[in-house]
Amino acid sequence: MKVSFKISNLKKHPNYASPSQQSKKNRNNDNDLLFEVPQWVDIGNNKTSFVWKHFGLKTDGRAYCRYIVNQDEETECGWNCIYNSQTSSMIHHLGSAHKIYEEKLVKTNKNR
């Protein structure tokens, strides 16, 4: 299911494509641009980092923090970053904003 919305008289913003970058089929007239609303992507079981317990991917190529900030209203954090293949920005966000850290297994040498 594709969801689109219209933005009239769009001002320049670094996250939006310029009108010249928009295809003709996504334009109603010179002042109106149509943008697809990013959809959640099923990441499956191939992601092994602990951050995926708290993050989700959308079709815009960004990872969104789904940590519940307000338990009463079930409000998600919503912080996001571009995701290519590394989780370091997400790990930093979880540690600094939510005090969530990866649990490390401590190996002990029983032969000593």
N, C-alpha and C. Protein backbone atom coordinates (compact mmCIF):
# COMPACT_ATOMS: atom_id res chain seq x y z
N MET A 1 0.83 -1.17 0.00
CA MET A 1 0.00 0.00 0.00
C MET A 1 0.88 1.24 0.00
N LYS A 2 0.71 2.11 -0.98
CA LYS A 2 1.45 3.36 -1.04
C LYS A 2 0.61 4.46 -0.45
N VAL A 3 1.23 5.28 0.38
CA VAL A 3 0.57 6.42 0.99
C VAL A 3 1.30 7.66 0.54
N SER A 4 0.59 8.62 0.00
CA SER A 4 1.19 9.87 -0.46
C SER A 4 0.47 11.04 0.17
N PHE A 5 1.16 12.16 0.27
CA PHE A 5 0.53 13.38 0.73
C PHE A 5 1.08 14.55 -0.05
N LYS A 6 0.33 15.64 -0.06
CA LYS A 6 0.70 16.80 -0.86
C LYS A 6 1.23 17.91 0.03
N ILE A 7 2.29 18.54 -0.41
CA ILE A 7 2.85 19.69 0.29
C ILE A 7 2.79 20.86 -0.68
N SER A 8 2.05 21.90 -0.32
CA SER A 8 1.93 23.07 -1.18
C SER A 8 2.95 24.12 -0.77
N ASN A 9 3.46 24.83 -1.77
CA ASN A 9 4.40 25.92 -1.54
C ASN A 9 5.56 25.49 -0.66
N LEU A 10 6.17 24.39 -1.03
CA LEU A 10 7.28 23.82 -0.25
C LEU A 10 8.48 24.75 -0.28
N LYS A 11 9.00 25.09 0.88
CA LYS A 11 10.22 25.87 0.96
C LYS A 11 11.40 24.93 0.92
N LYS A 12 12.55 25.42 0.56
CA LYS A 12 13.73 24.57 0.47
C LYS A 12 14.09 24.02 1.84
N HIS A 13 14.32 22.74 1.87
CA HIS A 13 14.71 22.04 3.08
C HIS A 13 15.71 20.98 2.66
N PRO A 14 16.81 20.79 3.39
CA PRO A 14 17.85 19.85 2.95
C PRO A 14 17.37 18.41 2.81
N ASN A 15 16.30 18.02 3.49
CA ASN A 15 15.82 16.64 3.39
C ASN A 15 14.85 16.41 2.25
N TYR A 16 14.39 17.47 1.62
CA TYR A 16 13.44 17.32 0.53
C TYR A 16 14.15 17.44 -0.81
N ALA A 17 13.67 16.71 -1.79
CA ALA A 17 14.22 16.80 -3.14
C ALA A 17 13.73 18.10 -3.77
N SER A 18 14.57 18.71 -4.56
CA SER A 18 14.18 19.94 -5.24
C SER A 18 13.17 19.60 -6.33
N PRO A 19 12.38 20.58 -6.77
CA PRO A 19 11.40 20.31 -7.83
C PRO A 19 12.02 19.73 -9.09
N SER A 20 13.25 20.11 -9.40
CA SER A 20 13.90 19.56 -10.59
C SER A 20 14.23 18.08 -10.41
N GLN A 21 14.38 17.63 -9.16
CA GLN A 21 14.67 16.23 -8.88
C GLN A 21 13.40 15.38 -8.83
N GLN A 22 12.25 16.02 -8.68
CA GLN A 22 10.98 15.29 -8.65
C GLN A 22 10.58 14.91 -10.06
N SER A 23 10.09 13.71 -10.22
CA SER A 23 9.63 13.29 -11.55
C SER A 23 8.32 13.99 -11.86
N LYS A 24 8.02 14.11 -13.13
CA LYS A 24 6.80 14.80 -13.57
C LYS A 24 5.56 14.11 -13.01
N LYS A 25 5.57 12.79 -12.88
CA LYS A 25 4.38 12.09 -12.41
C LYS A 25 4.06 12.40 -10.94
N ASN A 26 5.02 12.90 -10.18
CA ASN A 26 4.79 13.23 -8.78
C ASN A 26 4.43 14.71 -8.58
N ARG A 27 4.20 15.42 -9.66
CA ARG A 27 3.90 16.85 -9.55
C ARG A 27 2.51 17.14 -10.10
N ASN A 28 1.69 17.85 -9.33
CA ASN A 28 0.39 18.30 -9.81
C ASN A 28 0.53 19.62 -10.56
N ASN A 29 1.27 20.54 -9.99
CA ASN A 29 1.60 21.81 -10.65
C ASN A 29 2.91 22.31 -10.05
N ASP A 30 3.32 23.51 -10.39
CA ASP A 30 4.62 24.00 -9.95
C ASP A 30 4.72 24.17 -8.44
N ASN A 31 3.60 24.40 -7.75
CA ASN A 31 3.65 24.66 -6.31
C ASN A 31 3.38 23.42 -5.45
N ASP A 32 2.90 22.34 -6.07
CA ASP A 32 2.53 21.16 -5.30
C ASP A 32 3.46 20.00 -5.62
N LEU A 33 3.97 19.35 -4.59
CA LEU A 33 4.81 18.17 -4.74
C LEU A 33 4.17 17.03 -3.95
N LEU A 34 4.26 15.83 -4.48
CA LEU A 34 3.74 14.66 -3.78
C LEU A 34 4.92 13.85 -3.27
N PHE A 35 4.87 13.43 -2.02
CA PHE A 35 5.91 12.63 -1.40
C PHE A 35 5.30 11.35 -0.88
N GLU A 36 6.01 10.26 -1.03
CA GLU A 36 5.56 9.01 -0.43
C GLU A 36 5.90 9.00 1.04
N VAL A 37 4.98 8.53 1.85
CA VAL A 37 5.23 8.38 3.27
C VAL A 37 6.02 7.09 3.45
N PRO A 38 7.18 7.14 4.10
CA PRO A 38 7.99 5.93 4.28
C PRO A 38 7.23 4.86 5.05
N GLN A 39 7.36 3.62 4.62
CA GLN A 39 6.70 2.49 5.26
C GLN A 39 7.73 1.67 6.03
N TRP A 40 7.27 0.96 7.06
CA TRP A 40 8.15 0.10 7.84
C TRP A 40 8.58 -1.09 7.01
N VAL A 41 9.84 -1.49 7.16
CA VAL A 41 10.42 -2.62 6.44
C VAL A 41 10.58 -3.77 7.43
N ASP A 42 10.21 -4.98 7.01
CA ASP A 42 10.42 -6.16 7.85
C ASP A 42 11.90 -6.52 7.75
N ILE A 43 12.62 -6.44 8.88
CA ILE A 43 14.06 -6.71 8.84
C ILE A 43 14.38 -8.18 9.04
N GLY A 44 13.38 -8.98 9.39
CA GLY A 44 13.59 -10.42 9.52
C GLY A 44 14.53 -10.77 10.67
N ASN A 45 15.19 -11.90 10.54
CA ASN A 45 16.08 -12.39 11.60
C ASN A 45 17.56 -12.20 11.25
N ASN A 46 17.86 -11.50 10.16
CA ASN A 46 19.26 -11.39 9.74
C ASN A 46 20.03 -10.28 10.45
N LYS A 47 19.38 -9.48 11.25
CA LYS A 47 20.06 -8.42 12.00
C LYS A 47 20.42 -8.95 13.37
N THR A 48 21.72 -8.98 13.71
CA THR A 48 22.15 -9.60 14.95
C THR A 48 22.47 -8.62 16.07
N SER A 49 22.61 -7.34 15.77
CA SER A 49 22.95 -6.37 16.81
C SER A 49 21.79 -6.17 17.78
N PHE A 50 22.12 -5.85 19.02
CA PHE A 50 21.09 -5.61 20.03
C PHE A 50 20.24 -4.39 19.72
N VAL A 51 20.74 -3.47 18.88
CA VAL A 51 20.00 -2.23 18.61
C VAL A 51 18.67 -2.49 17.91
N TRP A 52 18.56 -3.60 17.20
CA TRP A 52 17.33 -3.88 16.44
C TRP A 52 16.16 -4.22 17.34
N LYS A 53 16.41 -4.39 18.65
CA LYS A 53 15.31 -4.54 19.60
C LYS A 53 14.61 -3.20 19.81
N HIS A 54 15.32 -2.11 19.50
CA HIS A 54 14.81 -0.76 19.76
C HIS A 54 14.70 0.09 18.50
N PHE A 55 15.14 -0.39 17.36
CA PHE A 55 15.10 0.38 16.11
C PHE A 55 14.35 -0.39 15.03
N GLY A 56 13.82 0.35 14.09
CA GLY A 56 13.18 -0.22 12.92
C GLY A 56 13.63 0.52 11.69
N LEU A 57 13.51 -0.10 10.53
CA LEU A 57 13.89 0.51 9.25
C LEU A 57 12.65 0.91 8.49
N LYS A 58 12.77 2.02 7.78
CA LYS A 58 11.70 2.45 6.87
C LYS A 58 12.24 2.48 5.45
N THR A 59 11.33 2.58 4.50
CA THR A 59 11.70 2.55 3.08
C THR A 59 12.50 3.77 2.65
N ASP A 60 12.63 4.78 3.49
CA ASP A 60 13.43 5.96 3.13
C ASP A 60 14.90 5.76 3.45
N GLY A 61 15.29 4.55 3.91
CA GLY A 61 16.69 4.25 4.19
C GLY A 61 17.17 4.74 5.54
N ARG A 62 16.25 5.07 6.41
CA ARG A 62 16.60 5.57 7.73
C ARG A 62 16.17 4.57 8.80
N ALA A 63 16.92 4.55 9.90
CA ALA A 63 16.59 3.72 11.05
C ALA A 63 15.95 4.63 12.10
N TYR A 64 14.80 4.22 12.63
CA TYR A 64 14.03 5.01 13.57
C TYR A 64 14.02 4.34 14.94
N CYS A 65 14.27 5.14 15.98
CA CYS A 65 14.24 4.63 17.34
C CYS A 65 12.79 4.41 17.76
N ARG A 66 12.48 3.19 18.20
CA ARG A 66 11.12 2.83 18.59
C ARG A 66 11.01 2.65 20.10
N TYR A 67 12.00 3.17 20.83
CA TYR A 67 11.99 3.11 22.29
C TYR A 67 10.77 3.87 22.80
N ILE A 68 10.01 3.26 23.71
CA ILE A 68 8.82 3.90 24.25
C ILE A 68 9.24 4.91 25.32
N VAL A 69 9.03 6.19 25.03
CA VAL A 69 9.44 7.27 25.94
C VAL A 69 8.40 7.46 27.04
N ASN A 70 7.13 7.46 26.67
CA ASN A 70 6.04 7.67 27.62
C ASN A 70 5.18 6.42 27.65
N GLN A 71 5.24 5.66 28.74
CA GLN A 71 4.50 4.40 28.85
C GLN A 71 2.99 4.61 28.80
N ASP A 72 2.50 5.72 29.36
CA ASP A 72 1.05 5.97 29.40
C ASP A 72 0.48 6.18 28.00
N GLU A 73 1.17 6.95 27.19
CA GLU A 73 0.68 7.25 25.84
C GLU A 73 1.34 6.38 24.78
N GLU A 74 2.29 5.53 25.19
CA GLU A 74 3.07 4.69 24.28
C GLU A 74 3.70 5.52 23.15
N THR A 75 4.32 6.63 23.53
CA THR A 75 4.98 7.52 22.58
C THR A 75 6.38 7.01 22.29
N GLU A 76 6.69 6.84 20.99
CA GLU A 76 8.02 6.39 20.59
C GLU A 76 8.97 7.57 20.52
N CYS A 77 10.26 7.29 20.70
CA CYS A 77 11.29 8.33 20.66
C CYS A 77 11.30 9.02 19.29
N GLY A 78 11.42 8.25 18.22
CA GLY A 78 11.35 8.82 16.88
C GLY A 78 12.67 9.34 16.32
N TRP A 79 13.74 9.34 17.12
CA TRP A 79 15.04 9.77 16.60
C TRP A 79 15.40 8.88 15.43
N ASN A 80 16.04 9.46 14.40
CA ASN A 80 16.39 8.65 13.24
C ASN A 80 17.73 9.05 12.67
N CYS A 81 18.32 8.11 11.94
CA CYS A 81 19.60 8.35 11.28
C CYS A 81 19.63 7.53 9.99
N ILE A 82 20.49 7.92 9.09
CA ILE A 82 20.65 7.16 7.85
C ILE A 82 21.31 5.84 8.19
N TYR A 83 20.77 4.75 7.65
CA TYR A 83 21.34 3.43 7.90
C TYR A 83 21.87 2.86 6.60
N ASN A 84 23.17 2.61 6.56
CA ASN A 84 23.77 1.94 5.41
C ASN A 84 24.13 0.51 5.79
N SER A 85 24.96 0.33 6.79
CA SER A 85 25.28 -1.02 7.26
C SER A 85 25.87 -1.01 8.67
N GLN A 86 26.12 0.15 9.21
CA GLN A 86 26.74 0.23 10.53
C GLN A 86 25.73 0.72 11.57
N THR A 87 25.85 0.21 12.77
CA THR A 87 24.91 0.55 13.83
C THR A 87 25.51 1.48 14.88
N SER A 88 26.68 2.05 14.63
CA SER A 88 27.36 2.85 15.66
C SER A 88 26.55 4.08 16.08
N SER A 89 25.88 4.76 15.16
CA SER A 89 25.06 5.92 15.53
C SER A 89 23.89 5.51 16.40
N MET A 90 23.31 4.37 16.10
CA MET A 90 22.19 3.87 16.88
C MET A 90 22.64 3.46 18.28
N ILE A 91 23.79 2.81 18.37
CA ILE A 91 24.34 2.42 19.67
C ILE A 91 24.61 3.66 20.52
N HIS A 92 25.19 4.69 19.91
CA HIS A 92 25.47 5.94 20.63
C HIS A 92 24.17 6.57 21.11
N HIS A 93 23.15 6.60 20.27
CA HIS A 93 21.87 7.20 20.66
C HIS A 93 21.26 6.44 21.84
N LEU A 94 21.23 5.12 21.77
CA LEU A 94 20.64 4.34 22.86
C LEU A 94 21.38 4.58 24.18
N GLY A 95 22.70 4.68 24.12
CA GLY A 95 23.48 4.91 25.33
C GLY A 95 23.31 6.30 25.89
N SER A 96 23.33 7.31 25.03
CA SER A 96 23.28 8.69 25.53
C SER A 96 21.86 9.15 25.85
N ALA A 97 20.88 8.74 25.08
CA ALA A 97 19.51 9.22 25.30
C ALA A 97 18.70 8.33 26.22
N HIS A 98 18.90 7.02 26.15
CA HIS A 98 18.05 6.09 26.90
C HIS A 98 18.80 5.23 27.92
N LYS A 99 20.11 5.40 28.00
CA LYS A 99 20.96 4.64 28.94
C LYS A 99 20.79 3.13 28.75
N ILE A 100 20.73 2.71 27.49
CA ILE A 100 20.65 1.29 27.14
C ILE A 100 21.98 0.90 26.54
N TYR A 101 22.58 -0.14 27.08
CA TYR A 101 23.89 -0.58 26.62
C TYR A 101 23.83 -2.08 26.31
N GLU A 102 24.74 -2.51 25.45
CA GLU A 102 24.81 -3.92 25.10
C GLU A 102 25.34 -4.71 26.28
N GLU A 103 24.72 -5.83 26.55
CA GLU A 103 25.20 -6.70 27.62
C GLU A 103 26.31 -7.56 27.05
N LYS A 104 27.48 -7.42 27.61
CA LYS A 104 28.64 -8.19 27.16
C LYS A 104 28.77 -9.45 27.99
N LEU A 105 29.05 -10.56 27.34
CA LEU A 105 29.31 -11.80 28.05
C LEU A 105 30.78 -11.81 28.45
N VAL A 106 31.03 -12.09 29.71
CA VAL A 106 32.38 -12.11 30.21
C VAL A 106 32.88 -13.56 30.13
N LYS A 107 33.96 -13.74 29.38
CA LYS A 107 34.54 -15.07 29.27
C LYS A 107 35.51 -15.28 30.43
N THR A 108 35.40 -16.41 31.07
CA THR A 108 36.32 -16.73 32.15
C THR A 108 37.16 -17.94 31.73
N ASN A 109 38.39 -17.92 32.13
CA ASN A 109 39.28 -19.02 31.83
C ASN A 109 39.33 -19.93 33.07
N LYS A 110 38.68 -21.09 32.98
CA LYS A 110 38.59 -22.00 34.11
C LYS A 110 39.86 -22.80 34.32
N ASN A 111 40.78 -22.75 33.36
CA ASN A 111 42.02 -23.54 33.46
C ASN A 111 43.12 -22.84 34.23
N ARG A 112 42.91 -21.69 34.75
CA ARG A 112 43.98 -20.97 35.46
C ARG A 112 44.15 -21.43 36.84
